[in-house]
Protein backbone atom coordinates (compact mmCIF):
# COMPACT_ATOMS: atom_id res chain seq x y z
CA MET A 1 -150.26 -31.87 54.76
CA LYS A 2 -147.82 -33.27 52.23
CA ASN A 3 -148.73 -32.93 48.58
CA ASN A 4 -147.46 -35.05 45.73
CA LYS A 5 -146.17 -32.25 43.49
CA ILE A 6 -142.83 -32.86 41.85
CA TYR A 7 -140.38 -30.08 42.67
CA ASN A 8 -137.77 -31.19 40.13
CA LEU A 9 -138.84 -28.99 37.24
CA GLU A 10 -137.05 -31.11 34.63
CA GLU A 11 -139.01 -34.15 35.76
CA ARG A 12 -142.24 -32.21 36.14
CA THR A 13 -142.10 -30.77 32.62
CA ALA A 14 -141.21 -34.19 31.18
CA ASN A 15 -144.11 -35.81 33.04
CA PHE A 16 -146.43 -33.11 31.75
CA GLY A 17 -145.40 -33.73 28.14
CA GLU A 18 -145.80 -37.49 28.62
CA SER A 19 -149.29 -37.00 30.10
CA VAL A 20 -150.32 -34.93 27.09
CA ILE A 21 -148.98 -37.62 24.76
CA ASP A 22 -150.98 -40.25 26.67
CA LEU A 23 -154.13 -38.12 26.33
CA CYS A 24 -153.59 -37.64 22.60
CA LYS A 25 -152.99 -41.34 21.96
CA ASN A 26 -156.61 -41.98 22.93
CA ILE A 27 -158.20 -39.31 20.75
CA LYS A 28 -159.85 -40.43 17.55
CA GLN A 29 -158.14 -38.50 14.79
CA ASP A 30 -160.15 -36.73 12.14
CA VAL A 31 -159.66 -33.63 10.00
CA ILE A 32 -160.15 -31.34 13.03
CA THR A 33 -158.43 -33.23 15.83
CA ARG A 34 -155.33 -34.16 13.82
CA SER A 35 -154.12 -30.57 13.57
CA ILE A 36 -154.94 -29.76 17.19
CA ILE A 37 -153.21 -32.92 18.43
CA ASN A 38 -150.07 -32.05 16.44
CA GLN A 39 -149.97 -28.53 17.86
CA LEU A 40 -150.71 -29.72 21.39
CA ILE A 41 -147.97 -32.33 21.39
CA LYS A 42 -145.43 -29.92 19.90
CA SER A 43 -146.06 -27.15 22.40
CA SER A 44 -146.43 -29.37 25.48
CA THR A 45 -143.25 -31.33 24.87
CA SER A 46 -141.36 -28.18 23.93
CA ILE A 47 -141.77 -26.87 27.49
CA GLY A 48 -139.48 -29.55 28.91
CA ALA A 49 -137.07 -29.44 25.99
CA ASN A 50 -136.57 -25.70 26.41
CA TYR A 51 -136.20 -26.07 30.15
CA MET A 52 -133.42 -28.61 29.56
CA GLU A 53 -131.77 -26.09 27.24
CA ALA A 54 -132.15 -23.36 29.86
CA ASN A 55 -130.27 -25.49 32.35
CA SER A 56 -127.39 -25.69 29.89
CA ALA A 57 -127.50 -22.02 29.00
CA SER A 58 -124.27 -20.27 28.15
CA SER A 59 -125.23 -17.02 29.88
CA LYS A 60 -127.86 -15.43 32.10
CA LYS A 61 -129.40 -13.83 29.01
CA ASP A 62 -129.57 -17.21 27.26
CA PHE A 63 -131.14 -18.75 30.38
CA ARG A 64 -133.75 -15.98 30.55
CA ASN A 65 -134.60 -16.38 26.87
CA LYS A 66 -135.10 -20.14 27.22
CA ILE A 67 -137.28 -19.69 30.31
CA PHE A 68 -139.31 -17.10 28.40
CA ILE A 69 -139.83 -19.67 25.64
CA CYS A 70 -140.92 -22.24 28.26
CA LYS A 71 -143.57 -19.82 29.48
CA LYS A 72 -144.73 -19.04 25.93
CA GLU A 73 -144.98 -22.74 25.05
CA ALA A 74 -146.95 -23.40 28.25
CA GLN A 75 -149.35 -20.58 27.38
CA GLU A 76 -149.78 -22.01 23.88
CA THR A 77 -150.35 -25.48 25.35
CA LYS A 78 -153.12 -24.12 27.55
CA HIS A 79 -154.85 -22.80 24.43
CA TRP A 80 -154.58 -26.14 22.62
CA LEU A 81 -155.90 -27.97 25.68
CA ARG A 82 -158.96 -25.72 25.53
CA MET A 83 -159.40 -26.56 21.84
CA ILE A 84 -159.00 -30.31 22.40
CA LEU A 85 -161.63 -30.13 25.15
CA LYS A 86 -164.05 -28.79 22.54
CA CYS A 87 -163.32 -31.87 20.42
CA ILE A 88 -163.51 -34.44 23.23
CA PRO A 89 -165.79 -33.08 25.96
CA GLU A 90 -165.98 -36.55 27.52
CA SER A 91 -162.34 -36.08 28.64
CA LYS A 92 -163.15 -32.91 30.58
CA GLU A 93 -161.73 -34.11 33.91
CA ARG A 94 -158.43 -35.26 32.42
CA VAL A 95 -158.03 -32.13 30.29
CA ASN A 96 -158.84 -29.91 33.28
CA ILE A 97 -156.11 -31.62 35.33
CA LEU A 98 -153.62 -31.00 32.51
CA SER A 99 -154.79 -27.40 32.18
CA GLN A 100 -154.26 -26.84 35.90
CA GLU A 101 -150.74 -28.27 35.72
CA CYS A 102 -150.08 -26.12 32.66
CA GLN A 103 -151.25 -23.01 34.54
CA GLU A 104 -148.93 -23.88 37.42
CA LEU A 105 -146.02 -24.21 34.99
CA ILE A 106 -146.89 -20.79 33.52
CA LEU A 107 -146.80 -19.29 37.00
CA ILE A 108 -143.51 -21.01 37.87
CA PHE A 109 -141.79 -19.78 34.71
CA GLY A 110 -143.26 -16.32 35.26
CA LYS A 111 -141.82 -16.26 38.77
CA ILE A 112 -138.41 -17.38 37.50
CA LEU A 113 -138.48 -14.57 34.93
CA SER A 114 -139.51 -11.92 37.45
CA SER A 115 -136.77 -13.02 39.86
CA LEU A 116 -134.17 -12.58 37.09
CA ARG A 117 -135.02 -8.89 36.65
């Protein structure tokens, strides 16, 4: 069975950030959601940005550090997705899909890090 996962990690992380942006565009902003949306967008789009930097790393150590940041940003994003779900429970299905993709990214970056040791 063929699945539709994107194996180009640059594209996959960019698509993930774009999907989070699309989700956030449709959230009514108030005193609570505004801060969560800001944090969520920052961390989710940072994953791809740091992965791009990793691919241009000047050394193995620099690459490892950037991948470590990718994993940390993905873990933070998973937290903010949980918080946004509390604010907009009607978007549970969409947020759960993003959370699953985020978890997969965490595992991918974790595997990259463990293979560098």
